[in-house]
Amino acid sequence: MQMIKKEIEIEVYDFESELSEEDQQLLKLAREAMEQAYAPYSRFLVGCTLLLENGVIIKGSNQENMAYPSGLCAERVAIFYAGANHPGVPVKTMAIVARAKDYEITTPIASCGACLQSLTEYEKQFKKPIRTILQAAGGKIWVANNGTLDFMPFQFNVEELKR
């Protein structure tokens, strides 16, 4: 038998003031986007901001639909907008903030598998990880510098399709 061990490193911050001004701004904009989420069914609000390499900032929020799974998560709203409106421009940093309307979230929430796979596609396209900042609204902050590999270590890889 062989064992495979994967380790991740996540930076944990107690206060936004410990982050750079740029990161603080991304979290602020992600909170603004979160408040624009359309989530009448899950009552779980998520906002996402992307800082592109060209300095453009894109916001996205989750958009639900009565006909599940027709809605989209905030991350895919933002990344698909970036791909459609800024083709060829890599994402430098992504910030995601979440809160529930009916209970308190105390730990940052990572992206779902569908979002991680979509984000992985952009990382592979540009051969560059997307630095990710996560925060449960008002709580601790996690920063992952290795992109989606920190959250989905066994990714579906296009190289497997080429065999």
Protein backbone atom coordinates (compact mmCIF):
# COMPACT_ATOMS: atom_id res chain seq x y z
CA MET A 1 0.00 0.00 0.00
CA GLN A 2 1.10 3.54 -0.74
CA MET A 3 -0.06 6.70 1.04
CA ILE A 4 -0.55 10.07 -0.60
CA LYS A 5 -0.41 13.03 1.72
CA LYS A 6 -1.32 16.56 0.66
CA GLU A 7 -0.72 19.54 2.91
CA ILE A 8 -1.97 23.07 2.55
CA GLU A 9 -0.92 26.32 4.12
CA ILE A 10 -3.53 28.94 4.90
CA GLU A 11 -2.62 32.25 6.48
CA VAL A 12 -5.09 33.15 9.25
CA TYR A 13 -5.72 36.77 10.26
CA ASP A 14 -7.84 37.97 13.16
CA PHE A 15 -8.29 41.52 11.90
CA GLU A 16 -8.64 43.10 8.48
CA SER A 17 -6.15 45.76 9.57
CA GLU A 18 -3.46 43.07 9.36
CA LEU A 19 -3.98 42.90 5.58
CA SER A 20 -2.67 45.23 2.89
CA GLU A 21 -4.89 48.15 1.87
CA GLU A 22 -5.51 46.40 -1.45
CA ASP A 23 -6.76 43.24 0.31
CA GLN A 24 -8.92 45.30 2.69
CA GLN A 25 -10.50 47.04 -0.31
CA LEU A 26 -11.22 43.70 -2.01
CA LEU A 27 -12.96 42.42 1.14
CA LYS A 28 -14.97 45.64 1.43
CA LEU A 29 -16.14 45.31 -2.17
CA ALA A 30 -16.91 41.60 -1.65
CA ARG A 31 -19.13 42.56 1.32
CA GLU A 32 -20.92 45.11 -0.88
CA ALA A 33 -21.45 42.43 -3.53
CA MET A 34 -22.64 39.98 -0.86
CA GLU A 35 -25.40 42.42 0.14
CA GLN A 36 -26.59 42.38 -3.50
CA ALA A 37 -26.94 38.59 -3.57
CA TYR A 38 -30.26 37.15 -4.63
CA ALA A 39 -30.65 34.25 -2.19
CA PRO A 40 -34.31 33.95 -1.16
CA TYR A 41 -34.16 30.15 -0.93
CA SER A 42 -30.90 29.37 0.86
CA ARG A 43 -30.75 32.74 2.66
CA PHE A 44 -26.97 32.29 2.34
CA LEU A 45 -25.33 35.40 0.88
CA VAL A 46 -21.97 35.32 -0.88
CA GLY A 47 -19.99 38.13 -2.49
CA CYS A 48 -16.86 37.81 -4.57
CA THR A 49 -14.39 40.30 -5.99
CA LEU A 50 -11.67 39.60 -8.50
CA LEU A 51 -8.63 41.81 -8.94
CA LEU A 52 -7.36 41.31 -12.47
CA GLU A 53 -3.71 41.73 -13.44
CA ASN A 54 -4.66 44.92 -15.33
CA GLY A 55 -6.07 46.49 -12.13
CA VAL A 56 -9.74 46.01 -13.01
CA ILE A 57 -11.94 44.85 -10.11
CA ILE A 58 -14.99 42.70 -10.82
CA LYS A 59 -17.76 41.96 -8.34
CA GLY A 60 -20.15 39.02 -8.28
CA SER A 61 -22.82 37.71 -5.93
CA ASN A 62 -24.73 34.47 -5.77
CA GLN A 63 -27.90 34.45 -7.86
CA GLU A 64 -30.41 31.76 -6.97
CA ASN A 65 -33.33 30.46 -8.96
CA MET A 66 -36.37 28.48 -7.88
CA ALA A 67 -35.38 25.83 -10.43
CA TYR A 68 -32.28 24.53 -8.65
CA PRO A 69 -29.52 24.26 -9.82
CA SER A 70 -30.15 27.06 -12.33
CA GLY A 71 -28.58 29.71 -10.11
CA LEU A 72 -24.91 30.56 -9.93
CA CYS A 73 -22.47 31.05 -7.09
CA ALA A 74 -20.76 34.43 -6.68
CA GLU A 75 -17.40 33.04 -7.80
CA ARG A 76 -18.71 31.78 -11.15
CA VAL A 77 -20.71 34.97 -11.73
CA ALA A 78 -17.48 36.96 -11.31
CA ILE A 79 -15.06 34.64 -13.15
CA PHE A 80 -17.38 34.17 -16.15
CA TYR A 81 -17.85 37.95 -16.36
CA ALA A 82 -14.07 38.36 -16.28
CA GLY A 83 -13.60 35.80 -19.04
CA ALA A 84 -16.30 37.34 -21.22
CA ASN A 85 -15.33 40.99 -20.73
CA HIS A 86 -11.58 40.80 -20.10
CA PRO A 87 -10.35 37.82 -22.13
CA GLY A 88 -6.66 37.14 -21.83
CA VAL A 89 -6.33 38.92 -18.48
CA PRO A 90 -5.38 36.71 -15.51
CA VAL A 91 -6.90 37.05 -12.05
CA LYS A 92 -4.39 38.20 -9.45
CA THR A 93 -6.50 37.94 -6.26
CA MET A 94 -10.01 36.85 -5.37
CA ALA A 95 -11.87 37.80 -2.17
CA ILE A 96 -14.99 35.94 -1.00
CA VAL A 97 -17.24 36.93 1.90
CA ALA A 98 -20.25 34.94 3.11
CA ARG A 99 -22.99 35.30 5.69
CA ALA A 100 -26.21 33.52 6.47
CA LYS A 101 -29.41 35.41 7.24
CA ASP A 102 -30.58 32.95 9.89
CA TYR A 103 -27.42 31.99 11.79
CA GLU A 104 -23.87 33.14 12.37
CA ILE A 105 -20.99 31.81 10.29
CA THR A 106 -17.78 31.83 12.29
CA THR A 107 -15.38 30.16 9.84
CA PRO A 108 -14.59 31.30 6.30
CA ILE A 109 -16.39 29.28 3.65
CA ALA A 110 -14.44 27.80 0.72
CA SER A 111 -15.88 27.68 -2.78
CA CYS A 112 -18.02 24.70 -3.83
CA GLY A 113 -16.62 22.04 -6.13
CA ALA A 114 -18.25 23.47 -9.27
CA CYS A 115 -16.73 26.88 -8.57
CA LEU A 116 -13.33 25.39 -7.76
CA GLN A 117 -13.32 23.47 -11.04
CA SER A 118 -14.31 26.63 -12.95
CA LEU A 119 -11.59 28.65 -11.21
CA THR A 120 -9.09 25.86 -11.90
CA GLU A 121 -9.80 26.25 -15.60
CA TYR A 122 -8.70 29.88 -15.45
CA GLU A 123 -5.61 29.02 -13.42
CA LYS A 124 -4.62 26.41 -16.00
CA GLN A 125 -5.32 28.81 -18.88
CA PHE A 126 -2.99 31.46 -17.45
CA LYS A 127 -0.58 29.04 -15.69
CA LYS A 128 -0.97 31.06 -12.51
CA PRO A 129 -2.77 30.36 -9.20
CA ILE A 130 -5.46 32.75 -8.02
CA ARG A 131 -4.57 34.04 -4.56
CA THR A 132 -7.74 33.71 -2.47
CA ILE A 133 -8.96 35.66 0.56
CA LEU A 134 -11.91 34.17 2.48
CA GLN A 135 -13.93 35.70 5.32
CA ALA A 136 -17.10 34.87 7.16
CA ALA A 137 -18.67 38.34 7.34
CA GLY A 138 -16.81 40.13 10.09
CA GLY A 139 -14.83 37.11 11.29
CA LYS A 140 -11.41 35.59 10.82
CA ILE A 141 -9.72 35.83 7.45
CA TRP A 142 -8.01 33.03 5.57
CA VAL A 143 -5.55 33.68 2.75
CA ALA A 144 -4.56 30.89 0.38
CA ASN A 145 -1.66 31.71 -1.91
CA ASN A 146 -1.64 28.50 -3.98
CA GLY A 147 -4.99 28.97 -5.66
CA THR A 148 -7.54 26.22 -6.00
CA LEU A 149 -4.98 23.52 -5.15
CA ASP A 150 -5.36 24.55 -1.51
CA PHE A 151 -9.05 23.63 -1.59
CA MET A 152 -9.21 20.90 -4.23
CA PRO A 153 -5.89 19.03 -4.22
CA PHE A 154 -6.99 16.33 -6.69
CA GLN A 155 -8.26 18.41 -9.58
CA PHE A 156 -9.66 17.15 -12.85
CA ASN A 157 -6.88 17.86 -15.29
CA VAL A 158 -7.22 18.45 -19.04
CA GLU A 159 -4.05 16.39 -19.58
CA GLU A 160 -6.11 13.31 -18.65
CA LEU A 161 -8.37 13.99 -21.65
CA LYS A 162 -5.42 14.08 -24.06
CA ARG A 163 -4.31 10.49 -23.51
